[in-house]
Each structure stands twice: as structure tokens, then as C-alpha cells.
Amino acid sequence: MVLDTSSRLGNIGDWGAGATPSRQHPEYYGGDILWLKTGDLNDSVIQDTSEKITKAGVANSSVKVNQPGNILIAMYGATIGKLGIVGKTLVTNQACCGCTL
């Protein structure tokens, strides 16, 4: 794909941010689903995350599911602009935007 400098991100792929499952429900945490926070972005391929959530956490929140090959970018805060490429299926929090090409 060739892009010129006038391309908009929306022309490149489908973008979407994630969410944080409610911390008032401890049963949403400690599962085996990779849940990426922007501190996990490493400007490389993401194979693991510092925290994981359960299927209930996914079902009861607006996390965004990202498949291998998706591009991730931190949208704000101390990590703004940090990037990552999804290596394993994962979900993201609201500070991270994922692009499906």
C-alpha cells in the first residue's frame, strides 16, 4: 500500500479504541485474555501483556478485540504516540486505538 502525506487515518483502515472492565468486578480480571494498556506498547510486536482479563470482562465491557497484524497506538497520556503490532489476539483499554488494515 502506498500512502501520500495527505492520507487520513480513516482511509488506511478501521480504527477503534477499547475500554476498561469495571474494577468493581474482580471476576473480570486474572483470566487468560491479553488486555493491553498503553504501558504495554513496545514499538514492536506485542506477544504478552502485564494484565489479563476473563471472558466475563470482555462480555461486560467495550474492550476492542484486535487480531494479529493490527496496528496499535497510544492516544494520550505519558505514552502518547507509542506503537505496537498485535502478535497474539488481545483486547485494549480506552487509551489505545487499534487499526485493522
PDB file of N, CA and C in Angstrom:
ATOM      1  N   MET A   1       0.846  -1.166   0.000  1.00  0.00           N
ATOM      2  CA  MET A   1       0.000   0.000   0.000  1.00  0.00           C
ATOM      3  C   MET A   1       0.895   1.234   0.000  1.00  0.00           C
ATOM      4  N   VAL A   2       0.604   2.184  -0.879  1.00  0.00           N
ATOM      5  CA  VAL A   2       1.346   3.441  -0.949  1.00  0.00           C
ATOM      6  C   VAL A   2       0.444   4.550  -0.430  1.00  0.00           C
ATOM      7  N   LEU A   3       0.971   5.323   0.508  1.00  0.00           N
ATOM      8  CA  LEU A   3       0.218   6.436   1.084  1.00  0.00           C
ATOM      9  C   LEU A   3       0.927   7.739   0.781  1.00  0.00           C
ATOM     10  N   ASP A   4       0.155   8.766   0.537  1.00  0.00           N
ATOM     11  CA  ASP A   4       0.770  10.071   0.429  1.00  0.00           C
ATOM     12  C   ASP A   4       0.528  10.828   1.735  1.00  0.00           C
ATOM     13  N   THR A   5       1.177  11.944   1.902  1.00  0.00           N
ATOM     14  CA  THR A   5       1.101  12.682   3.160  1.00  0.00           C
ATOM     15  C   THR A   5      -0.264  13.296   3.415  1.00  0.00           C
ATOM     16  N   SER A   6      -1.148  13.305   2.423  1.00  0.00           N
ATOM     17  CA  SER A   6      -2.478  13.864   2.627  1.00  0.00           C
ATOM     18  C   SER A   6      -3.490  12.794   3.061  1.00  0.00           C
ATOM     19  N   SER A   7      -3.049  11.545   3.219  1.00  0.00           N
ATOM     20  CA  SER A   7      -3.960  10.480   3.636  1.00  0.00           C
ATOM     21  C   SER A   7      -4.437  10.696   5.065  1.00  0.00           C
ATOM     22  N   ARG A   8      -5.700  10.387   5.312  1.00  0.00           N
ATOM     23  CA  ARG A   8      -6.257  10.439   6.654  1.00  0.00           C
ATOM     24  C   ARG A   8      -6.209   9.035   7.233  1.00  0.00           C
ATOM     25  N   LEU A   9      -6.094   8.943   8.557  1.00  0.00           N
ATOM     26  CA  LEU A   9      -6.032   7.630   9.203  1.00  0.00           C
ATOM     27  C   LEU A   9      -7.245   6.774   8.854  1.00  0.00           C
ATOM     28  N   GLY A  10      -8.409   7.385   8.737  1.00  0.00           N
ATOM     29  CA  GLY A  10      -9.616   6.648   8.399  1.00  0.00           C
ATOM     30  C   GLY A  10      -9.572   6.023   7.019  1.00  0.00           C
ATOM     31  N   ASN A  11      -8.689   6.534   6.142  1.00  0.00           N
ATOM     32  CA  ASN A  11      -8.531   5.958   4.808  1.00  0.00           C
ATOM     33  C   ASN A  11      -7.601   4.752   4.810  1.00  0.00           C
ATOM     34  N   ILE A  12      -6.863   4.576   5.889  1.00  0.00           N
ATOM     35  CA  ILE A  12      -5.882   3.493   5.965  1.00  0.00           C
ATOM     36  C   ILE A  12      -6.527   2.199   6.444  1.00  0.00           C
ATOM     37  N   GLY A  13      -7.446   2.302   7.392  1.00  0.00           N
ATOM     38  CA  GLY A  13      -8.073   1.106   7.954  1.00  0.00           C
ATOM     39  C   GLY A  13      -9.207   1.479   8.888  1.00  0.00           C
ATOM     40  N   ASP A  14      -9.692   0.473   9.610  1.00  0.00           N
ATOM     41  CA  ASP A  14     -10.798   0.653  10.555  1.00  0.00           C
ATOM     42  C   ASP A  14     -10.211   0.834  11.952  1.00  0.00           C
ATOM     43  N   TRP A  15     -10.431   2.005  12.566  1.00  0.00           N
ATOM     44  CA  TRP A  15      -9.857   2.354  13.858  1.00  0.00           C
ATOM     45  C   TRP A  15     -10.890   2.242  14.969  1.00  0.00           C
ATOM     46  N   GLY A  16     -10.457   1.844  16.159  1.00  0.00           N
ATOM     47  CA  GLY A  16     -11.355   1.800  17.299  1.00  0.00           C
ATOM     48  C   GLY A  16     -10.586   1.701  18.603  1.00  0.00           C
ATOM     49  N   ALA A  17     -11.103   2.360  19.627  1.00  0.00           N
ATOM     50  CA  ALA A  17     -10.495   2.326  20.959  1.00  0.00           C
ATOM     51  C   ALA A  17     -11.188   1.279  21.810  1.00  0.00           C
ATOM     52  N   GLY A  18     -10.557   0.912  22.890  1.00  0.00           N
ATOM     53  CA  GLY A  18     -11.090  -0.108  23.774  1.00  0.00           C
ATOM     54  C   GLY A  18     -11.742   0.460  25.014  1.00  0.00           C
ATOM     55  N   ALA A  19     -11.663  -0.293  26.114  1.00  0.00           N
ATOM     56  CA  ALA A  19     -12.305   0.094  27.371  1.00  0.00           C
ATOM     57  C   ALA A  19     -11.639  -0.639  28.529  1.00  0.00           C
ATOM     58  N   THR A  20     -12.000  -0.223  29.728  1.00  0.00           N
ATOM     59  CA  THR A  20     -11.546  -0.887  30.947  1.00  0.00           C
ATOM     60  C   THR A  20     -12.742  -1.546  31.611  1.00  0.00           C
ATOM     61  N   PRO A  21     -12.695  -2.867  31.779  1.00  0.00           N
ATOM     62  CA  PRO A  21     -13.783  -3.525  32.516  1.00  0.00           C
ATOM     63  C   PRO A  21     -13.847  -2.962  33.937  1.00  0.00           C
ATOM     64  N   SER A  22     -15.017  -2.925  34.512  1.00  0.00           N
ATOM     65  CA  SER A  22     -15.200  -2.359  35.848  1.00  0.00           C
ATOM     66  C   SER A  22     -14.313  -3.059  36.879  1.00  0.00           C
ATOM     67  N   ARG A  23     -13.553  -2.254  37.601  1.00  0.00           N
ATOM     68  CA  ARG A  23     -12.697  -2.790  38.673  1.00  0.00           C
ATOM     69  C   ARG A  23     -13.541  -3.217  39.872  1.00  0.00           C
ATOM     70  N   GLN A  24     -14.811  -2.860  39.893  1.00  0.00           N
ATOM     71  CA  GLN A  24     -15.706  -3.292  40.972  1.00  0.00           C
ATOM     72  C   GLN A  24     -16.097  -4.760  40.826  1.00  0.00           C
ATOM     73  N   HIS A  25     -15.679  -5.374  39.729  1.00  0.00           N
ATOM     74  CA  HIS A  25     -15.967  -6.785  39.483  1.00  0.00           C
ATOM     75  C   HIS A  25     -14.645  -7.548  39.352  1.00  0.00           C
ATOM     76  N   PRO A  26     -14.104  -8.023  40.457  1.00  0.00           N
ATOM     77  CA  PRO A  26     -12.818  -8.711  40.401  1.00  0.00           C
ATOM     78  C   PRO A  26     -12.840  -9.961  39.521  1.00  0.00           C
ATOM     79  N   GLU A  27     -14.031 -10.485  39.275  1.00  0.00           N
ATOM     80  CA  GLU A  27     -14.132 -11.671  38.419  1.00  0.00           C
ATOM     81  C   GLU A  27     -13.821 -11.360  36.951  1.00  0.00           C
ATOM     82  N   TYR A  28     -13.679 -10.081  36.608  1.00  0.00           N
ATOM     83  CA  TYR A  28     -13.321  -9.693  35.247  1.00  0.00           C
ATOM     84  C   TYR A  28     -11.809  -9.754  35.015  1.00  0.00           C
ATOM     85  N   TYR A  29     -11.047  -9.928  36.077  1.00  0.00           N
ATOM     86  CA  TYR A  29      -9.588  -9.880  35.989  1.00  0.00           C
ATOM     87  C   TYR A  29      -8.953 -11.206  36.373  1.00  0.00           C
ATOM     88  N   GLY A  30      -7.739 -11.436  35.852  1.00  0.00           N
ATOM     89  CA  GLY A  30      -6.995 -12.640  36.183  1.00  0.00           C
ATOM     90  C   GLY A  30      -7.287 -13.810  35.262  1.00  0.00           C
ATOM     91  N   GLY A  31      -7.895 -13.539  34.124  1.00  0.00           N
ATOM     92  CA  GLY A  31      -8.197 -14.592  33.162  1.00  0.00           C
ATOM     93  C   GLY A  31      -7.008 -14.867  32.247  1.00  0.00           C
ATOM     94  N   ASP A  32      -7.303 -15.327  31.054  1.00  0.00           N
ATOM     95  CA  ASP A  32      -6.226 -15.637  30.112  1.00  0.00           C
ATOM     96  C   ASP A  32      -6.289 -14.811  28.828  1.00  0.00           C
ATOM     97  N   ILE A  33      -7.124 -13.770  28.808  1.00  0.00           N
ATOM     98  CA  ILE A  33      -7.237 -12.904  27.638  1.00  0.00           C
ATOM     99  C   ILE A  33      -6.310 -11.707  27.816  1.00  0.00           C
ATOM    100  N   LEU A  34      -5.414 -11.522  26.866  1.00  0.00           N
ATOM    101  CA  LEU A  34      -4.466 -10.414  26.932  1.00  0.00           C
ATOM    102  C   LEU A  34      -5.216  -9.096  26.873  1.00  0.00           C
ATOM    103  N   TRP A  35      -5.006  -8.238  27.886  1.00  0.00           N
ATOM    104  CA  TRP A  35      -5.647  -6.917  27.952  1.00  0.00           C
ATOM    105  C   TRP A  35      -4.549  -5.868  27.961  1.00  0.00           C
ATOM    106  N   LEU A  36      -4.402  -5.157  26.854  1.00  0.00           N
ATOM    107  CA  LEU A  36      -3.311  -4.222  26.679  1.00  0.00           C
ATOM    108  C   LEU A  36      -3.659  -2.834  27.191  1.00  0.00           C
ATOM    109  N   LYS A  37      -2.754  -2.319  28.008  1.00  0.00           N
ATOM    110  CA  LYS A  37      -2.775  -0.920  28.418  1.00  0.00           C
ATOM    111  C   LYS A  37      -1.598  -0.264  27.707  1.00  0.00           C
ATOM    112  N   THR A  38      -1.636   1.046  27.533  1.00  0.00           N
ATOM    113  CA  THR A  38      -0.612   1.694  26.712  1.00  0.00           C
ATOM    114  C   THR A  38       0.808   1.487  27.238  1.00  0.00           C
ATOM    115  N   GLY A  39       0.969   1.222  28.518  1.00  0.00           N
ATOM    116  CA  GLY A  39       2.297   0.926  29.052  1.00  0.00           C
ATOM    117  C   GLY A  39       2.875  -0.371  28.510  1.00  0.00           C
ATOM    118  N   ASP A  40       2.026  -1.214  27.925  1.00  0.00           N
ATOM    119  CA  ASP A  40       2.483  -2.471  27.326  1.00  0.00           C
ATOM    120  C   ASP A  40       3.000  -2.281  25.901  1.00  0.00           C
ATOM    121  N   LEU A  41       2.730  -1.120  25.298  1.00  0.00           N
ATOM    122  CA  LEU A  41       3.208  -0.877  23.935  1.00  0.00           C
ATOM    123  C   LEU A  41       4.726  -0.796  23.939  1.00  0.00           C
ATOM    124  N   ASN A  42       5.350  -1.446  22.958  1.00  0.00           N
ATOM    125  CA  ASN A  42       6.809  -1.552  22.956  1.00  0.00           C
ATOM    126  C   ASN A  42       7.445  -1.155  21.615  1.00  0.00           C
ATOM    127  N   ASP A  43       6.687  -0.495  20.738  1.00  0.00           N
ATOM    128  CA  ASP A  43       7.180  -0.128  19.413  1.00  0.00           C
ATOM    129  C   ASP A  43       7.644  -1.356  18.629  1.00  0.00           C
ATOM    130  N   SER A  44       7.053  -2.479  18.923  1.00  0.00           N
ATOM    131  CA  SER A  44       7.388  -3.741  18.266  1.00  0.00           C
ATOM    132  C   SER A  44       6.157  -4.648  18.316  1.00  0.00           C
ATOM    133  N   VAL A  45       6.367  -5.936  18.162  1.00  0.00           N
ATOM    134  CA  VAL A  45       5.271  -6.910  18.193  1.00  0.00           C
ATOM    135  C   VAL A  45       4.905  -7.239  19.636  1.00  0.00           C
ATOM    136  N   ILE A  46       3.607  -7.190  19.948  1.00  0.00           N
ATOM    137  CA  ILE A  46       3.111  -7.472  21.295  1.00  0.00           C
ATOM    138  C   ILE A  46       2.751  -8.955  21.380  1.00  0.00           C
ATOM    139  N   GLN A  47       3.422  -9.668  22.257  1.00  0.00           N
ATOM    140  CA  GLN A  47       3.162 -11.091  22.462  1.00  0.00           C
ATOM    141  C   GLN A  47       2.529 -11.382  23.815  1.00  0.00           C
ATOM    142  N   ASP A  48       2.622 -10.412  24.755  1.00  0.00           N
ATOM    143  CA  ASP A  48       2.086 -10.614  26.103  1.00  0.00           C
ATOM    144  C   ASP A  48       1.734  -9.244  26.684  1.00  0.00           C
ATOM    145  N   THR A  49       0.924  -9.251  27.731  1.00  0.00           N
ATOM    146  CA  THR A  49       0.533  -8.017  28.409  1.00  0.00           C
ATOM    147  C   THR A  49       0.732  -8.185  29.913  1.00  0.00           C
ATOM    148  N   SER A  50       0.817  -7.067  30.609  1.00  0.00           N
ATOM    149  CA  SER A  50       1.047  -7.109  32.055  1.00  0.00           C
ATOM    150  C   SER A  50      -0.190  -7.538  32.828  1.00  0.00           C
ATOM    151  N   GLU A  51      -1.353  -7.422  32.200  1.00  0.00           N
ATOM    152  CA  GLU A  51      -2.603  -7.794  32.873  1.00  0.00           C
ATOM    153  C   GLU A  51      -3.474  -8.573  31.896  1.00  0.00           C
ATOM    154  N   LYS A  52      -4.290  -9.456  32.446  1.00  0.00           N
ATOM    155  CA  LYS A  52      -5.194 -10.256  31.628  1.00  0.00           C
ATOM    156  C   LYS A  52      -6.594 -10.190  32.216  1.00  0.00           C
ATOM    157  N   ILE A  53      -7.592 -10.386  31.348  1.00  0.00           N
ATOM    158  CA  ILE A  53      -8.976 -10.358  31.801  1.00  0.00           C
ATOM    159  C   ILE A  53      -9.674 -11.669  31.435  1.00  0.00           C
ATOM    160  N   THR A  54     -10.886 -11.812  31.937  1.00  0.00           N
ATOM    161  CA  THR A  54     -11.677 -13.025  31.711  1.00  0.00           C
ATOM    162  C   THR A  54     -12.670 -12.802  30.566  1.00  0.00           C
ATOM    163  N   LYS A  55     -13.309 -13.888  30.147  1.00  0.00           N
ATOM    164  CA  LYS A  55     -14.365 -13.791  29.136  1.00  0.00           C
ATOM    165  C   LYS A  55     -15.498 -12.907  29.641  1.00  0.00           C
ATOM    166  N   ALA A  56     -15.783 -12.965  30.934  1.00  0.00           N
ATOM    167  CA  ALA A  56     -16.827 -12.101  31.517  1.00  0.00           C
ATOM    168  C   ALA A  56     -16.418 -10.634  31.410  1.00  0.00           C
ATOM    169  N   GLY A  57     -15.144 -10.333  31.580  1.00  0.00           N
ATOM    170  CA  GLY A  57     -14.658  -8.966  31.438  1.00  0.00           C
ATOM    171  C   GLY A  57     -14.844  -8.446  30.022  1.00  0.00           C
ATOM    172  N   VAL A  58     -14.624  -9.311  29.038  1.00  0.00           N
ATOM    173  CA  VAL A  58     -14.834  -8.929  27.645  1.00  0.00           C
ATOM    174  C   VAL A  58     -16.323  -8.724  27.371  1.00  0.00           C
ATOM    175  N   ALA A  59     -17.132  -9.682  27.834  1.00  0.00           N
ATOM    176  CA  ALA A  59     -18.575  -9.649  27.559  1.00  0.00           C
ATOM    177  C   ALA A  59     -19.281  -8.467  28.210  1.00  0.00           C
ATOM    178  N   ASN A  60     -18.738  -7.979  29.315  1.00  0.00           N
ATOM    179  CA  ASN A  60     -19.409  -6.922  30.074  1.00  0.00           C
ATOM    180  C   ASN A  60     -18.704  -5.579  29.989  1.00  0.00           C
ATOM    181  N   SER A  61     -17.994  -5.351  28.908  1.00  0.00           N
ATOM    182  CA  SER A  61     -17.321  -4.073  28.698  1.00  0.00           C
ATOM    183  C   SER A  61     -17.239  -3.802  27.195  1.00  0.00           C
ATOM    184  N   SER A  62     -16.630  -2.692  26.864  1.00  0.00           N
ATOM    185  CA  SER A  62     -16.484  -2.316  25.455  1.00  0.00           C
ATOM    186  C   SER A  62     -15.040  -2.442  24.990  1.00  0.00           C
ATOM    187  N   VAL A  63     -14.321  -3.428  25.531  1.00  0.00           N
ATOM    188  CA  VAL A  63     -12.953  -3.635  25.063  1.00  0.00           C
ATOM    189  C   VAL A  63     -12.986  -3.878  23.558  1.00  0.00           C
ATOM    190  N   LYS A  64     -11.900  -3.535  22.883  1.00  0.00           N
ATOM    191  CA  LYS A  64     -11.795  -3.759  21.444  1.00  0.00           C
ATOM    192  C   LYS A  64     -10.904  -4.950  21.199  1.00  0.00           C
ATOM    193  N   VAL A  65     -11.422  -5.920  20.466  1.00  0.00           N
ATOM    194  CA  VAL A  65     -10.640  -7.103  20.117  1.00  0.00           C
ATOM    195  C   VAL A  65      -9.763  -6.767  18.910  1.00  0.00           C
ATOM    196  N   ASN A  66      -8.479  -7.039  19.051  1.00  0.00           N
ATOM    197  CA  ASN A  66      -7.510  -6.800  17.981  1.00  0.00           C
ATOM    198  C   ASN A  66      -6.855  -8.115  17.599  1.00  0.00           C
ATOM    199  N   GLN A  67      -6.764  -8.358  16.305  1.00  0.00           N
ATOM    200  CA  GLN A  67      -6.190  -9.585  15.777  1.00  0.00           C
ATOM    201  C   GLN A  67      -4.724  -9.375  15.389  1.00  0.00           C
ATOM    202  N   PRO A  68      -3.958 -10.469  15.289  1.00  0.00           N
ATOM    203  CA  PRO A  68      -2.557 -10.342  14.856  1.00  0.00           C
ATOM    204  C   PRO A  68      -2.440  -9.522  13.567  1.00  0.00           C
ATOM    205  N   GLY A  69      -1.474  -8.624  13.576  1.00  0.00           N
ATOM    206  CA  GLY A  69      -1.233  -7.748  12.437  1.00  0.00           C
ATOM    207  C   GLY A  69      -1.834  -6.366  12.593  1.00  0.00           C
ATOM    208  N   ASN A  70      -2.804  -6.214  13.508  1.00  0.00           N
ATOM    209  CA  ASN A  70      -3.373  -4.878  13.741  1.00  0.00           C
ATOM    210  C   ASN A  70      -2.286  -3.954  14.291  1.00  0.00           C
ATOM    211  N   ILE A  71      -2.417  -2.678  13.999  1.00  0.00           N
ATOM    212  CA  ILE A  71      -1.500  -1.655  14.490  1.00  0.00           C
ATOM    213  C   ILE A  71      -2.159  -0.965  15.682  1.00  0.00           C
ATOM    214  N   LEU A  72      -1.398  -0.734  16.748  1.00  0.00           N
ATOM    215  CA  LEU A  72      -1.903  -0.072  17.952  1.00  0.00           C
ATOM    216  C   LEU A  72      -1.133   1.220  18.185  1.00  0.00           C
ATOM    217  N   ILE A  73      -1.824   2.229  18.717  1.00  0.00           N
ATOM    218  CA  ILE A  73      -1.174   3.493  19.051  1.00  0.00           C
ATOM    219  C   ILE A  73      -1.790   4.061  20.326  1.00  0.00           C
ATOM    220  N   ALA A  74      -0.923   4.562  21.207  1.00  0.00           N
ATOM    221  CA  ALA A  74      -1.386   5.235  22.428  1.00  0.00           C
ATOM    222  C   ALA A  74      -1.893   6.613  22.046  1.00  0.00           C
ATOM    223  N   MET A  75      -3.108   6.951  22.500  1.00  0.00           N
ATOM    224  CA  MET A  75      -3.750   8.198  22.082  1.00  0.00           C
ATOM    225  C   MET A  75      -3.469   9.385  22.990  1.00  0.00           C
ATOM    226  N   TYR A  76      -3.133   9.145  24.261  1.00  0.00           N
ATOM    227  CA  TYR A  76      -2.911  10.269  25.171  1.00  0.00           C
ATOM    228  C   TYR A  76      -2.112   9.804  26.381  1.00  0.00           C
ATOM    229  N   GLY A  77      -1.771  10.746  27.240  1.00  0.00           N
ATOM    230  CA  GLY A  77      -1.037  10.438  28.463  1.00  0.00           C
ATOM    231  C   GLY A  77       0.457  10.335  28.235  1.00  0.00           C
ATOM    232  N   ALA A  78       1.135   9.771  29.211  1.00  0.00           N
ATOM    233  CA  ALA A  78       2.598   9.683  29.194  1.00  0.00           C
ATOM    234  C   ALA A  78       3.128   8.841  28.036  1.00  0.00           C
ATOM    235  N   THR A  79       2.297   7.954  27.498  1.00  0.00           N
ATOM    236  CA  THR A  79       2.748   7.058  26.430  1.00  0.00           C
ATOM    237  C   THR A  79       2.271   7.496  25.040  1.00  0.00           C
ATOM    238  N   ILE A  80       1.706   8.686  24.912  1.00  0.00           N
ATOM    239  CA  ILE A  80       1.145   9.134  23.636  1.00  0.00           C
ATOM    240  C   ILE A  80       2.130   8.888  22.489  1.00  0.00           C
ATOM    241  N   GLY A  81       1.618   8.293  21.432  1.00  0.00           N
ATOM    242  CA  GLY A  81       2.434   8.022  20.250  1.00  0.00           C
ATOM    243  C   GLY A  81       3.146   6.679  20.257  1.00  0.00           C
ATOM    244  N   LYS A  82       3.184   5.997  21.396  1.00  0.00           N
ATOM    245  CA  LYS A  82       3.818   4.663  21.429  1.00  0.00           C
ATOM    246  C   LYS A  82       3.026   3.743  20.513  1.00  0.00           C
ATOM    247  N   LEU A  83       3.728   2.833  19.862  1.00  0.00           N
ATOM    248  CA  LEU A  83       3.122   1.943  18.883  1.00  0.00           C
ATOM    249  C   LEU A  83       3.332   0.483  19.246  1.00  0.00           C
ATOM    250  N   GLY A  84       2.573  -0.351  18.592  1.00  0.00           N
ATOM    251  CA  GLY A  84       2.753  -1.788  18.715  1.00  0.00           C
ATOM    252  C   GLY A  84       2.037  -2.486  17.575  1.00  0.00           C
ATOM    253  N   ILE A  85       2.473  -3.694  17.286  1.00  0.00           N
ATOM    254  CA  ILE A  85       1.823  -4.556  16.309  1.00  0.00           C
ATOM    255  C   ILE A  85       1.324  -5.767  17.071  1.00  0.00           C
ATOM    256  N   VAL A  86       0.068  -6.105  16.908  1.00  0.00           N
ATOM    257  CA  VAL A  86      -0.524  -7.228  17.630  1.00  0.00           C
ATOM    258  C   VAL A  86       0.090  -8.533  17.124  1.00  0.00           C
ATOM    259  N   GLY A  87       0.683  -9.292  18.056  1.00  0.00           N
ATOM    260  CA  GLY A  87       1.263 -10.596  17.719  1.00  0.00           C
ATOM    261  C   GLY A  87       0.322 -11.737  18.050  1.00  0.00           C
ATOM    262  N   LYS A  88      -0.485 -11.557  19.099  1.00  0.00           N
ATOM    263  CA  LYS A  88      -1.489 -12.533  19.533  1.00  0.00           C
ATOM    264  C   LYS A  88      -2.779 -11.766  19.772  1.00  0.00           C
ATOM    265  N   THR A  89      -3.917 -12.401  19.528  1.00  0.00           N
ATOM    266  CA  THR A  89      -5.197 -11.736  19.745  1.00  0.00           C
ATOM    267  C   THR A  89      -5.227 -11.132  21.142  1.00  0.00           C
ATOM    268  N   LEU A  90      -5.648  -9.864  21.230  1.00  0.00           N
ATOM    269  CA  LEU A  90      -5.718  -9.171  22.515  1.00  0.00           C
ATOM    270  C   LEU A  90      -6.813  -8.131  22.476  1.00  0.00           C
ATOM    271  N   VAL A  91      -7.152  -7.612  23.650  1.00  0.00           N
ATOM    272  CA  VAL A  91      -8.111  -6.522  23.770  1.00  0.00           C
ATOM    273  C   VAL A  91      -7.389  -5.323  24.372  1.00  0.00           C
ATOM    274  N   THR A  92      -7.935  -4.112  24.137  1.00  0.00           N
ATOM    275  CA  THR A  92      -7.252  -2.900  24.576  1.00  0.00           C
ATOM    276  C   THR A  92      -8.128  -2.032  25.461  1.00  0.00           C
ATOM    277  N   ASN A  93      -7.452  -1.166  26.217  1.00  0.00           N
ATOM    278  CA  ASN A  93      -8.187  -0.203  27.026  1.00  0.00           C
ATOM    279  C   ASN A  93      -8.488   1.051  26.212  1.00  0.00           C
ATOM    280  N   GLN A  94      -9.128   2.039  26.828  1.00  0.00           N
ATOM    281  CA  GLN A  94      -9.604   3.218  26.123  1.00  0.00           C
ATOM    282  C   GLN A  94      -8.515   4.188  25.697  1.00  0.00           C
ATOM    283  N   ALA A  95      -7.314   4.051  26.223  1.00  0.00           N
ATOM    284  CA  ALA A  95      -6.218   4.948  25.849  1.00  0.00           C
ATOM    285  C   ALA A  95      -5.487   4.461  24.605  1.00  0.00           C
ATOM    286  N   CYS A  96      -5.887   3.310  24.106  1.00  0.00           N
ATOM    287  CA  CYS A  96      -5.220   2.695  22.968  1.00  0.00           C
ATOM    288  C   CYS A  96      -6.188   2.545  21.805  1.00  0.00           C
ATOM    289  N   CYS A  97      -5.728   2.923  20.636  1.00  0.00           N
ATOM    290  CA  CYS A  97      -6.534   2.802  19.427  1.00  0.00           C
ATOM    291  C   CYS A  97      -5.899   1.737  18.542  1.00  0.00           C
ATOM    292  N   GLY A  98      -6.730   0.847  18.029  1.00  0.00           N
ATOM    293  CA  GLY A  98      -6.254  -0.220  17.155  1.00  0.00           C
ATOM    294  C   GLY A  98      -6.759  -0.030  15.746  1.00  0.00           C
ATOM    295  N   CYS A  99      -5.946  -0.404  14.767  1.00  0.00           N
ATOM    296  CA  CYS A  99      -6.309  -0.285  13.359  1.00  0.00           C
ATOM    297  C   CYS A  99      -6.257  -1.654  12.695  1.00  0.00           C
ATOM    298  N   THR A 100      -7.376  -2.007  12.080  1.00  0.00           N
ATOM    299  CA  THR A 100      -7.436  -3.194  11.247  1.00  0.00           C
ATOM    300  C   THR A 100      -7.264  -2.734   9.811  1.00  0.00           C
ATOM    301  N   LEU A 101      -6.214  -3.206   9.162  1.00  0.00           N
ATOM    302  CA  LEU A 101      -5.953  -2.789   7.773  1.00  0.00           C
ATOM    303  C   LEU A 101      -6.807  -3.546   6.800  1.00  0.00           C
TER     304      LEU A 101
END
